[in-house]
Amino acid sequence: MQWTLLIIAGLFEVGWAIGLKYTEGFTRLWPTVGTVVSMIISLGLLGIAMKSLPVGTAYAVWVGVGAVGTALLGILLFDDPASSLRVLSLGLIVAGIIGLKLATPG
């Protein structure tokens, strides 16, 4: 259950990271509200997951899910570069997340 909450927390991190782009420097009300709500949910779920997961593992997975998801959405939504090296690097982050899951008891 804690791993599920951690992944969901990471997805909400993606939501607020992408949401920041749409706030236009916090000048647009509804994108700002959505971004702040996503931040609160993301951090709240991370805190709950950390009750039973090692802090280093939980934080690394949270950041990794957020980084990969944000980079992929940046490619899809904002035409960010999708070079082979960039995609390979994202794959390595995913491999690291899987490795941390496999190396963590429970």
PDB file of N, CA and C in Angstrom:
ATOM      1  N   MET A   1       0.817  -1.205   0.000  1.00  0.00           N
ATOM      2  CA  MET A   1       0.000   0.000   0.000  1.00  0.00           C
ATOM      3  C   MET A   1       0.857   1.265   0.000  1.00  0.00           C
ATOM      4  N   GLN A   2       1.949   1.233   0.778  1.00  0.00           N
ATOM      5  CA  GLN A   2       2.815   2.409   0.855  1.00  0.00           C
ATOM      6  C   GLN A   2       3.455   2.730  -0.494  1.00  0.00           C
ATOM      7  N   TRP A   3       3.806   1.688  -1.247  1.00  0.00           N
ATOM      8  CA  TRP A   3       4.391   1.902  -2.570  1.00  0.00           C
ATOM      9  C   TRP A   3       3.375   2.526  -3.518  1.00  0.00           C
ATOM     10  N   THR A   4       2.137   2.084  -3.428  1.00  0.00           N
ATOM     11  CA  THR A   4       1.082   2.664  -4.266  1.00  0.00           C
ATOM     12  C   THR A   4       0.914   4.146  -3.943  1.00  0.00           C
ATOM     13  N   LEU A   5       0.864   4.467  -2.655  1.00  0.00           N
ATOM     14  CA  LEU A   5       0.747   5.876  -2.252  1.00  0.00           C
ATOM     15  C   LEU A   5       1.942   6.689  -2.738  1.00  0.00           C
ATOM     16  N   LEU A   6       3.123   6.077  -2.678  1.00  0.00           N
ATOM     17  CA  LEU A   6       4.331   6.774  -3.126  1.00  0.00           C
ATOM     18  C   LEU A   6       4.284   7.074  -4.623  1.00  0.00           C
ATOM     19  N   ILE A   7       3.833   6.122  -5.417  1.00  0.00           N
ATOM     20  CA  ILE A   7       3.724   6.336  -6.865  1.00  0.00           C
ATOM     21  C   ILE A   7       2.677   7.410  -7.160  1.00  0.00           C
ATOM     22  N   ILE A   8       1.558   7.361  -6.454  1.00  0.00           N
ATOM     23  CA  ILE A   8       0.522   8.388  -6.642  1.00  0.00           C
ATOM     24  C   ILE A   8       1.069   9.758  -6.243  1.00  0.00           C
ATOM     25  N   ALA A   9       1.839   9.805  -5.164  1.00  0.00           N
ATOM     26  CA  ALA A   9       2.469  11.068  -4.756  1.00  0.00           C
ATOM     27  C   ALA A   9       3.374  11.592  -5.870  1.00  0.00           C
ATOM     28  N   GLY A  10       4.121  10.685  -6.496  1.00  0.00           N
ATOM     29  CA  GLY A  10       4.984  11.077  -7.611  1.00  0.00           C
ATOM     30  C   GLY A  10       4.197  11.601  -8.792  1.00  0.00           C
ATOM     31  N   LEU A  11       3.038  10.993  -9.052  1.00  0.00           N
ATOM     32  CA  LEU A  11       2.193  11.472 -10.155  1.00  0.00           C
ATOM     33  C   LEU A  11       1.634  12.865  -9.858  1.00  0.00           C
ATOM     34  N   PHE A  12       1.293  13.113  -8.596  1.00  0.00           N
ATOM     35  CA  PHE A  12       0.856  14.459  -8.237  1.00  0.00           C
ATOM     36  C   PHE A  12       2.017  15.452  -8.321  1.00  0.00           C
ATOM     37  N   GLU A  13       3.238  14.979  -8.110  1.00  0.00           N
ATOM     38  CA  GLU A  13       4.401  15.850  -8.312  1.00  0.00           C
ATOM     39  C   GLU A  13       4.497  16.259  -9.783  1.00  0.00           C
ATOM     40  N   VAL A  14       4.237  15.305 -10.665  1.00  0.00           N
ATOM     41  CA  VAL A  14       4.199  15.623 -12.095  1.00  0.00           C
ATOM     42  C   VAL A  14       3.133  16.690 -12.340  1.00  0.00           C
ATOM     43  N   GLY A  15       1.969  16.512 -11.706  1.00  0.00           N
ATOM     44  CA  GLY A  15       0.874  17.472 -11.874  1.00  0.00           C
ATOM     45  C   GLY A  15       1.259  18.878 -11.474  1.00  0.00           C
ATOM     46  N   TRP A  16       1.938  19.010 -10.336  1.00  0.00           N
ATOM     47  CA  TRP A  16       2.278  20.379  -9.945  1.00  0.00           C
ATOM     48  C   TRP A  16       3.458  20.941 -10.737  1.00  0.00           C
ATOM     49  N   ALA A  17       4.356  20.070 -11.163  1.00  0.00           N
ATOM     50  CA  ALA A  17       5.467  20.566 -11.982  1.00  0.00           C
ATOM     51  C   ALA A  17       4.959  21.082 -13.329  1.00  0.00           C
ATOM     52  N   ILE A  18       4.071  20.324 -13.957  1.00  0.00           N
ATOM     53  CA  ILE A  18       3.480  20.771 -15.224  1.00  0.00           C
ATOM     54  C   ILE A  18       2.568  21.963 -14.977  1.00  0.00           C
ATOM     55  N   GLY A  19       1.837  21.916 -13.865  1.00  0.00           N
ATOM     56  CA  GLY A  19       0.955  23.032 -13.516  1.00  0.00           C
ATOM     57  C   GLY A  19       1.692  24.355 -13.391  1.00  0.00           C
ATOM     58  N   LEU A  20       2.927  24.313 -12.900  1.00  0.00           N
ATOM     59  CA  LEU A  20       3.711  25.547 -12.780  1.00  0.00           C
ATOM     60  C   LEU A  20       3.837  26.261 -14.123  1.00  0.00           C
ATOM     61  N   LYS A  21       3.976  25.480 -15.176  1.00  0.00           N
ATOM     62  CA  LYS A  21       4.098  26.065 -16.517  1.00  0.00           C
ATOM     63  C   LYS A  21       2.836  26.851 -16.877  1.00  0.00           C
ATOM     64  N   TYR A  22       1.689  26.306 -16.484  1.00  0.00           N
ATOM     65  CA  TYR A  22       0.412  26.933 -16.839  1.00  0.00           C
ATOM     66  C   TYR A  22       0.030  28.097 -15.925  1.00  0.00           C
ATOM     67  N   THR A  23       0.692  28.241 -14.775  1.00  0.00           N
ATOM     68  CA  THR A  23       0.353  29.355 -13.887  1.00  0.00           C
ATOM     69  C   THR A  23       0.861  30.692 -14.412  1.00  0.00           C
ATOM     70  N   GLU A  24       1.823  30.620 -15.332  1.00  0.00           N
ATOM     71  CA  GLU A  24       2.471  31.826 -15.866  1.00  0.00           C
ATOM     72  C   GLU A  24       2.954  32.725 -14.728  1.00  0.00           C
ATOM     73  N   GLY A  25       3.790  32.126 -13.873  1.00  0.00           N
ATOM     74  CA  GLY A  25       4.356  32.874 -12.756  1.00  0.00           C
ATOM     75  C   GLY A  25       3.334  33.166 -11.670  1.00  0.00           C
ATOM     76  N   PHE A  26       2.391  32.278 -11.484  1.00  0.00           N
ATOM     77  CA  PHE A  26       1.314  32.403 -10.501  1.00  0.00           C
ATOM     78  C   PHE A  26       0.407  33.598 -10.778  1.00  0.00           C
ATOM     79  N   THR A  27       0.255  33.940 -12.047  1.00  0.00           N
ATOM     80  CA  THR A  27      -0.620  35.058 -12.423  1.00  0.00           C
ATOM     81  C   THR A  27      -1.992  34.579 -12.892  1.00  0.00           C
ATOM     82  N   ARG A  28      -2.164  33.279 -13.073  1.00  0.00           N
ATOM     83  CA  ARG A  28      -3.453  32.722 -13.507  1.00  0.00           C
ATOM     84  C   ARG A  28      -4.049  31.940 -12.340  1.00  0.00           C
ATOM     85  N   LEU A  29      -5.246  32.321 -11.923  1.00  0.00           N
ATOM     86  CA  LEU A  29      -5.849  31.798 -10.697  1.00  0.00           C
ATOM     87  C   LEU A  29      -6.035  30.285 -10.705  1.00  0.00           C
ATOM     88  N   TRP A  30      -6.794  29.755 -11.656  1.00  0.00           N
ATOM     89  CA  TRP A  30      -7.151  28.329 -11.593  1.00  0.00           C
ATOM     90  C   TRP A  30      -5.959  27.399 -11.801  1.00  0.00           C
ATOM     91  N   PRO A  31      -5.060  27.698 -12.725  1.00  0.00           N
ATOM     92  CA  PRO A  31      -3.864  26.852 -12.779  1.00  0.00           C
ATOM     93  C   PRO A  31      -3.046  26.919 -11.483  1.00  0.00           C
ATOM     94  N   THR A  32      -3.019  28.087 -10.851  1.00  0.00           N
ATOM     95  CA  THR A  32      -2.303  28.224  -9.582  1.00  0.00           C
ATOM     96  C   THR A  32      -2.973  27.394  -8.491  1.00  0.00           C
ATOM     97  N   VAL A  33      -4.295  27.456  -8.413  1.00  0.00           N
ATOM     98  CA  VAL A  33      -5.029  26.673  -7.418  1.00  0.00           C
ATOM     99  C   VAL A  33      -4.772  25.178  -7.638  1.00  0.00           C
ATOM    100  N   GLY A  34      -4.874  24.724  -8.869  1.00  0.00           N
ATOM    101  CA  GLY A  34      -4.620  23.313  -9.172  1.00  0.00           C
ATOM    102  C   GLY A  34      -3.205  22.892  -8.824  1.00  0.00           C
ATOM    103  N   THR A  35      -2.259  23.760  -9.098  1.00  0.00           N
ATOM    104  CA  THR A  35      -0.856  23.474  -8.793  1.00  0.00           C
ATOM    105  C   THR A  35      -0.641  23.351  -7.292  1.00  0.00           C
ATOM    106  N   VAL A  36      -1.185  24.283  -6.532  1.00  0.00           N
ATOM    107  CA  VAL A  36      -1.019  24.256  -5.074  1.00  0.00           C
ATOM    108  C   VAL A  36      -1.708  23.027  -4.475  1.00  0.00           C
ATOM    109  N   VAL A  37      -2.893  22.690  -4.959  1.00  0.00           N
ATOM    110  CA  VAL A  37      -3.585  21.489  -4.471  1.00  0.00           C
ATOM    111  C   VAL A  37      -2.756  20.245  -4.783  1.00  0.00           C
ATOM    112  N   SER A  38      -2.191  20.170  -5.982  1.00  0.00           N
ATOM    113  CA  SER A  38      -1.338  19.033  -6.340  1.00  0.00           C
ATOM    114  C   SER A  38      -0.109  18.959  -5.441  1.00  0.00           C
ATOM    115  N   MET A  39       0.463  20.110  -5.109  1.00  0.00           N
ATOM    116  CA  MET A  39       1.624  20.129  -4.206  1.00  0.00           C
ATOM    117  C   MET A  39       1.261  19.559  -2.840  1.00  0.00           C
ATOM    118  N   ILE A  40       0.129  19.998  -2.312  1.00  0.00           N
ATOM    119  CA  ILE A  40      -0.296  19.545  -0.982  1.00  0.00           C
ATOM    120  C   ILE A  40      -0.558  18.045  -0.976  1.00  0.00           C
ATOM    121  N   ILE A  41      -1.266  17.564  -1.985  1.00  0.00           N
ATOM    122  CA  ILE A  41      -1.555  16.124  -2.066  1.00  0.00           C
ATOM    123  C   ILE A  41      -0.262  15.329  -2.221  1.00  0.00           C
ATOM    124  N   SER A  42       0.621  15.785  -3.089  1.00  0.00           N
ATOM    125  CA  SER A  42       1.875  15.088  -3.331  1.00  0.00           C
ATOM    126  C   SER A  42       2.705  14.969  -2.053  1.00  0.00           C
ATOM    127  N   LEU A  43       2.877  16.079  -1.364  1.00  0.00           N
ATOM    128  CA  LEU A  43       3.677  16.053  -0.132  1.00  0.00           C
ATOM    129  C   LEU A  43       2.991  15.257   0.968  1.00  0.00           C
ATOM    130  N   GLY A  44       1.665  15.348   1.043  1.00  0.00           N
ATOM    131  CA  GLY A  44       0.934  14.583   2.049  1.00  0.00           C
ATOM    132  C   GLY A  44       1.085  13.089   1.844  1.00  0.00           C
ATOM    133  N   LEU A  45       0.927  12.645   0.607  1.00  0.00           N
ATOM    134  CA  LEU A  45       1.077  11.217   0.316  1.00  0.00           C
ATOM    135  C   LEU A  45       2.519  10.748   0.524  1.00  0.00           C
ATOM    136  N   LEU A  46       3.471  11.597   0.183  1.00  0.00           N
ATOM    137  CA  LEU A  46       4.878  11.257   0.430  1.00  0.00           C
ATOM    138  C   LEU A  46       5.108  11.066   1.927  1.00  0.00           C
ATOM    139  N   GLY A  47       4.566  11.957   2.721  1.00  0.00           N
ATOM    140  CA  GLY A  47       4.719  11.842   4.170  1.00  0.00           C
ATOM    141  C   GLY A  47       4.119  10.560   4.715  1.00  0.00           C
ATOM    142  N   ILE A  48       2.957  10.182   4.206  1.00  0.00           N
ATOM    143  CA  ILE A  48       2.321   8.934   4.647  1.00  0.00           C
ATOM    144  C   ILE A  48       3.172   7.732   4.240  1.00  0.00           C
ATOM    145  N   ALA A  49       3.669   7.742   3.006  1.00  0.00           N
ATOM    146  CA  ALA A  49       4.494   6.628   2.529  1.00  0.00           C
ATOM    147  C   ALA A  49       5.771   6.488   3.355  1.00  0.00           C
ATOM    148  N   MET A  50       6.305   7.621   3.804  1.00  0.00           N
ATOM    149  CA  MET A  50       7.554   7.586   4.570  1.00  0.00           C
ATOM    150  C   MET A  50       7.377   7.003   5.976  1.00  0.00           C
ATOM    151  N   LYS A  51       6.140   6.807   6.392  1.00  0.00           N
ATOM    152  CA  LYS A  51       5.932   6.185   7.706  1.00  0.00           C
ATOM    153  C   LYS A  51       6.555   4.791   7.762  1.00  0.00           C
ATOM    154  N   SER A  52       6.503   4.072   6.640  1.00  0.00           N
ATOM    155  CA  SER A  52       7.006   2.703   6.673  1.00  0.00           C
ATOM    156  C   SER A  52       8.091   2.403   5.636  1.00  0.00           C
ATOM    157  N   LEU A  53       8.406   3.358   4.787  1.00  0.00           N
ATOM    158  CA  LEU A  53       9.478   3.162   3.809  1.00  0.00           C
ATOM    159  C   LEU A  53      10.706   3.960   4.246  1.00  0.00           C
ATOM    160  N   PRO A  54      11.888   3.491   3.909  1.00  0.00           N
ATOM    161  CA  PRO A  54      13.093   4.258   4.228  1.00  0.00           C
ATOM    162  C   PRO A  54      13.047   5.637   3.556  1.00  0.00           C
ATOM    163  N   VAL A  55      13.469   6.642   4.289  1.00  0.00           N
ATOM    164  CA  VAL A  55      13.366   8.018   3.791  1.00  0.00           C
ATOM    165  C   VAL A  55      14.110   8.210   2.476  1.00  0.00           C
ATOM    166  N   GLY A  56      15.309   7.671   2.365  1.00  0.00           N
ATOM    167  CA  GLY A  56      16.086   7.833   1.137  1.00  0.00           C
ATOM    168  C   GLY A  56      15.428   7.175  -0.061  1.00  0.00           C
ATOM    169  N   THR A  57      14.897   5.996   0.154  1.00  0.00           N
ATOM    170  CA  THR A  57      14.204   5.283  -0.920  1.00  0.00           C
ATOM    171  C   THR A  57      12.950   6.025  -1.333  1.00  0.00           C
ATOM    172  N   ALA A  58      12.133   6.392  -0.350  1.00  0.00           N
ATOM    173  CA  ALA A  58      10.870   7.071  -0.653  1.00  0.00           C
ATOM    174  C   ALA A  58      11.118   8.373  -1.403  1.00  0.00           C
ATOM    175  N   TYR A  59      12.067   9.158  -0.920  1.00  0.00           N
ATOM    176  CA  TYR A  59      12.326  10.444  -1.567  1.00  0.00           C
ATOM    177  C   TYR A  59      12.873  10.246  -2.978  1.00  0.00           C
ATOM    178  N   ALA A  60      13.789   9.312  -3.144  1.00  0.00           N
ATOM    179  CA  ALA A  60      14.373   9.070  -4.469  1.00  0.00           C
ATOM    180  C   ALA A  60      13.321   8.599  -5.464  1.00  0.00           C
ATOM    181  N   VAL A  61      12.436   7.710  -5.031  1.00  0.00           N
ATOM    182  CA  VAL A  61      11.382   7.220  -5.927  1.00  0.00           C
ATOM    183  C   VAL A  61      10.417   8.350  -6.260  1.00  0.00           C
ATOM    184  N   TRP A  62      10.025   9.134  -5.263  1.00  0.00           N
ATOM    185  CA  TRP A  62       9.122  10.274  -5.480  1.00  0.00           C
ATOM    186  C   TRP A  62       9.699  11.245  -6.509  1.00  0.00           C
ATOM    187  N   VAL A  63      10.962  11.597  -6.314  1.00  0.00           N
ATOM    188  CA  VAL A  63      11.627  12.511  -7.250  1.00  0.00           C
ATOM    189  C   VAL A  63      11.764  11.857  -8.625  1.00  0.00           C
ATOM    190  N   GLY A  64      12.106  10.578  -8.655  1.00  0.00           N
ATOM    191  CA  GLY A  64      12.279   9.883  -9.928  1.00  0.00           C
ATOM    192  C   GLY A  64      11.000   9.812 -10.737  1.00  0.00           C
ATOM    193  N   VAL A  65       9.901   9.436 -10.081  1.00  0.00           N
ATOM    194  CA  VAL A  65       8.608   9.400 -10.774  1.00  0.00           C
ATOM    195  C   VAL A  65       8.262  10.788 -11.283  1.00  0.00           C
ATOM    196  N   GLY A  66       8.473  11.789 -10.437  1.00  0.00           N
ATOM    197  CA  GLY A  66       8.187  13.165 -10.849  1.00  0.00           C
ATOM    198  C   GLY A  66       9.051  13.625 -12.009  1.00  0.00           C
ATOM    199  N   ALA A  67      10.324  13.291 -11.958  1.00  0.00           N
ATOM    200  CA  ALA A  67      11.243  13.720 -13.018  1.00  0.00           C
ATOM    201  C   ALA A  67      10.916  13.053 -14.350  1.00  0.00           C
ATOM    202  N   VAL A  68      10.701  11.744 -14.314  1.00  0.00           N
ATOM    203  CA  VAL A  68      10.405  11.021 -15.555  1.00  0.00           C
ATOM    204  C   VAL A  68       9.063  11.485 -16.125  1.00  0.00           C
ATOM    205  N   GLY A  69       8.052  11.552 -15.280  1.00  0.00           N
ATOM    206  CA  GLY A  69       6.734  11.975 -15.748  1.00  0.00           C
ATOM    207  C   GLY A  69       6.732  13.389 -16.296  1.00  0.00           C
ATOM    208  N   THR A  70       7.421  14.286 -15.603  1.00  0.00           N
ATOM    209  CA  THR A  70       7.481  15.671 -16.061  1.00  0.00           C
ATOM    210  C   THR A  70       8.244  15.786 -17.371  1.00  0.00           C
ATOM    211  N   ALA A  71       9.345  15.064 -17.487  1.00  0.00           N
ATOM    212  CA  ALA A  71      10.117  15.103 -18.733  1.00  0.00           C
ATOM    213  C   ALA A  71       9.306  14.547 -19.903  1.00  0.00           C
ATOM    214  N   LEU A  72       8.597  13.445 -19.664  1.00  0.00           N
ATOM    215  CA  LEU A  72       7.786  12.865 -20.746  1.00  0.00           C
ATOM    216  C   LEU A  72       6.655  13.804 -21.157  1.00  0.00           C
ATOM    217  N   LEU A  73       5.983  14.399 -20.182  1.00  0.00           N
ATOM    218  CA  LEU A  73       4.925  15.346 -20.534  1.00  0.00           C
ATOM    219  C   LEU A  73       5.491  16.608 -21.182  1.00  0.00           C
ATOM    220  N   GLY A  74       6.692  16.989 -20.781  1.00  0.00           N
ATOM    221  CA  GLY A  74       7.341  18.116 -21.450  1.00  0.00           C
ATOM    222  C   GLY A  74       7.565  17.823 -22.926  1.00  0.00           C
ATOM    223  N   ILE A  75       7.942  16.599 -23.216  1.00  0.00           N
ATOM    224  CA  ILE A  75       8.127  16.190 -24.610  1.00  0.00           C
ATOM    225  C   ILE A  75       6.797  16.206 -25.348  1.00  0.00           C
ATOM    226  N   LEU A  76       5.758  15.654 -24.709  1.00  0.00           N
ATOM    227  CA  LEU A  76       4.452  15.538 -25.369  1.00  0.00           C
ATOM    228  C   LEU A  76       3.696  16.866 -25.467  1.00  0.00           C
ATOM    229  N   LEU A  77       3.764  17.669 -24.413  1.00  0.00           N
ATOM    230  CA  LEU A  77       2.947  18.889 -24.377  1.00  0.00           C
ATOM    231  C   LEU A  77       3.661  20.144 -24.863  1.00  0.00           C
ATOM    232  N   PHE A  78       4.969  20.202 -24.629  1.00  0.00           N
ATOM    233  CA  PHE A  78       5.693  21.451 -24.881  1.00  0.00           C
ATOM    234  C   PHE A  78       6.809  21.317 -25.910  1.00  0.00           C
ATOM    235  N   ASP A  79       6.827  20.206 -26.621  1.00  0.00           N
ATOM    236  CA  ASP A  79       7.842  19.966 -27.644  1.00  0.00           C
ATOM    237  C   ASP A  79       9.269  20.042 -27.099  1.00  0.00           C
ATOM    238  N   ASP A  80       9.460  19.610 -25.842  1.00  0.00           N
ATOM    239  CA  ASP A  80      10.821  19.521 -25.319  1.00  0.00           C
ATOM    240  C   ASP A  80      11.586  18.505 -26.158  1.00  0.00           C
ATOM    241  N   PRO A  81      12.898  18.616 -26.209  1.00  0.00           N
ATOM    242  CA  PRO A  81      13.681  17.683 -27.026  1.00  0.00           C
ATOM    243  C   PRO A  81      13.509  16.239 -26.564  1.00  0.00           C
ATOM    244  N   ALA A  82      13.509  15.317 -27.526  1.00  0.00           N
ATOM    245  CA  ALA A  82      13.370  13.887 -27.232  1.00  0.00           C
ATOM    246  C   ALA A  82      14.527  13.127 -27.860  1.00  0.00           C
ATOM    247  N   SER A  83      15.740  13.577 -27.602  1.00  0.00           N
ATOM    248  CA  SER A  83      16.905  12.914 -28.182  1.00  0.00           C
ATOM    249  C   SER A  83      17.064  11.511 -27.607  1.00  0.00           C
ATOM    250  N   SER A  84      17.795  10.707 -28.311  1.00  0.00           N
ATOM    251  CA  SER A  84      18.041   9.329 -27.858  1.00  0.00           C
ATOM    252  C   SER A  84      18.699   9.308 -26.491  1.00  0.00           C
ATOM    253  N   LEU A  85      19.663  10.170 -26.281  1.00  0.00           N
ATOM    254  CA  LEU A  85      20.365  10.210 -24.998  1.00  0.00           C
ATOM    255  C   LEU A  85      19.418  10.631 -23.870  1.00  0.00           C
ATOM    256  N   ARG A  86      18.529  11.545 -24.153  1.00  0.00           N
ATOM    257  CA  ARG A  86      17.567  11.996 -23.136  1.00  0.00           C
ATOM    258  C   ARG A  86      16.606  10.858 -22.772  1.00  0.00           C
ATOM    259  N   VAL A  87      16.086  10.171 -23.764  1.00  0.00           N
ATOM    260  CA  VAL A  87      15.164   9.057 -23.513  1.00  0.00           C
ATOM    261  C   VAL A  87      15.889   7.921 -22.794  1.00  0.00           C
ATOM    262  N   LEU A  88      17.118   7.631 -23.183  1.00  0.00           N
ATOM    263  CA  LEU A  88      17.918   6.621 -22.495  1.00  0.00           C
ATOM    264  C   LEU A  88      18.121   7.003 -21.027  1.00  0.00           C
ATOM    265  N   SER A  89      18.413   8.247 -20.786  1.00  0.00           N
ATOM    266  CA  SER A  89      18.614   8.728 -19.416  1.00  0.00           C
ATOM    267  C   SER A  89      17.346   8.571 -18.580  1.00  0.00           C
ATOM    268  N   LEU A  90      16.200   8.853 -19.167  1.00  0.00           N
ATOM    269  CA  LEU A  90      14.933   8.641 -18.455  1.00  0.00           C
ATOM    270  C   LEU A  90      14.738   7.156 -18.150  1.00  0.00           C
ATOM    271  N   GLY A  91      15.119   6.311 -19.085  1.00  0.00           N
ATOM    272  CA  GLY A  91      15.052   4.871 -18.856  1.00  0.00           C
ATOM    273  C   GLY A  91      15.943   4.436 -17.698  1.00  0.00           C
ATOM    274  N   LEU A  92      17.096   5.060 -17.565  1.00  0.00           N
ATOM    275  CA  LEU A  92      17.986   4.741 -16.452  1.00  0.00           C
ATOM    276  C   LEU A  92      17.374   5.162 -15.115  1.00  0.00           C
ATOM    277  N   ILE A  93      16.660   6.275 -15.106  1.00  0.00           N
ATOM    278  CA  ILE A  93      15.971   6.689 -13.887  1.00  0.00           C
ATOM    279  C   ILE A  93      14.903   5.659 -13.518  1.00  0.00           C
ATOM    280  N   VAL A  94      14.149   5.199 -14.512  1.00  0.00           N
ATOM    281  CA  VAL A  94      13.132   4.165 -14.265  1.00  0.00           C
ATOM    282  C   VAL A  94      13.806   2.893 -13.739  1.00  0.00           C
ATOM    283  N   ALA A  95      14.930   2.517 -14.304  1.00  0.00           N
ATOM    284  CA  ALA A  95      15.660   1.337 -13.821  1.00  0.00           C
ATOM    285  C   ALA A  95      16.084   1.541 -12.366  1.00  0.00           C
ATOM    286  N   GLY A  96      16.499   2.749 -12.020  1.00  0.00           N
ATOM    287  CA  GLY A  96      16.864   3.048 -10.636  1.00  0.00           C
ATOM    288  C   GLY A  96      15.681   2.933  -9.689  1.00  0.00           C
ATOM    289  N   ILE A  97      14.519   3.404 -10.132  1.00  0.00           N
ATOM    290  CA  ILE A  97      13.307   3.296  -9.314  1.00  0.00           C
ATOM    291  C   ILE A  97      12.971   1.819  -9.076  1.00  0.00           C
ATOM    292  N   ILE A  98      13.038   1.020 -10.135  1.00  0.00           N
ATOM    293  CA  ILE A  98      12.760  -0.411 -10.012  1.00  0.00           C
ATOM    294  C   ILE A  98      13.789  -1.064  -9.081  1.00  0.00           C
ATOM    295  N   GLY A  99      15.035  -0.690  -9.225  1.00  0.00           N
ATOM    296  CA  GLY A  99      16.079  -1.225  -8.363  1.00  0.00           C
ATOM    297  C   GLY A  99      15.842  -0.896  -6.898  1.00  0.00           C
ATOM    298  N   LEU A 100      15.428   0.329  -6.624  1.00  0.00           N
ATOM    299  CA  LEU A 100      15.137   0.708  -5.237  1.00  0.00           C
ATOM    300  C   LEU A 100      13.959  -0.084  -4.690  1.00  0.00           C
ATOM    301  N   LYS A 101      12.957  -0.314  -5.507  1.00  0.00           N
ATOM    302  CA  LYS A 101      11.810  -1.117  -5.067  1.00  0.00           C
ATOM    303  C   LYS A 101      12.250  -2.545  -4.747  1.00  0.00           C
ATOM    304  N   LEU A 102      13.044  -3.130  -5.626  1.00  0.00           N
ATOM    305  CA  LEU A 102      13.501  -4.502  -5.417  1.00  0.00           C
ATOM    306  C   LEU A 102      14.430  -4.633  -4.201  1.00  0.00           C
ATOM    307  N   ALA A 103      15.159  -3.576  -3.910  1.00  0.00           N
ATOM    308  CA  ALA A 103      16.128  -3.617  -2.813  1.00  0.00           C
ATOM    309  C   ALA A 103      15.526  -3.246  -1.460  1.00  0.00           C
ATOM    310  N   THR A 104      14.241  -2.848  -1.456  1.00  0.00           N
ATOM    311  CA  THR A 104      13.617  -2.414  -0.216  1.00  0.00           C
ATOM    312  C   THR A 104      12.715  -3.520   0.314  1.00  0.00           C
ATOM    313  N   PRO A 105      12.973  -3.967   1.540  1.00  0.00           N
ATOM    314  CA  PRO A 105      12.117  -5.008   2.112  1.00  0.00           C
ATOM    315  C   PRO A 105      10.679  -4.525   2.280  1.00  0.00           C
ATOM    316  N   GLY A 106       9.762  -5.448   2.165  1.00  0.00           N
ATOM    317  CA  GLY A 106       8.344  -5.117   2.402  1.00  0.00           C
ATOM    318  C   GLY A 106       7.655  -4.890   1.182  1.00  0.00           C
TER     319      GLY A 106
END
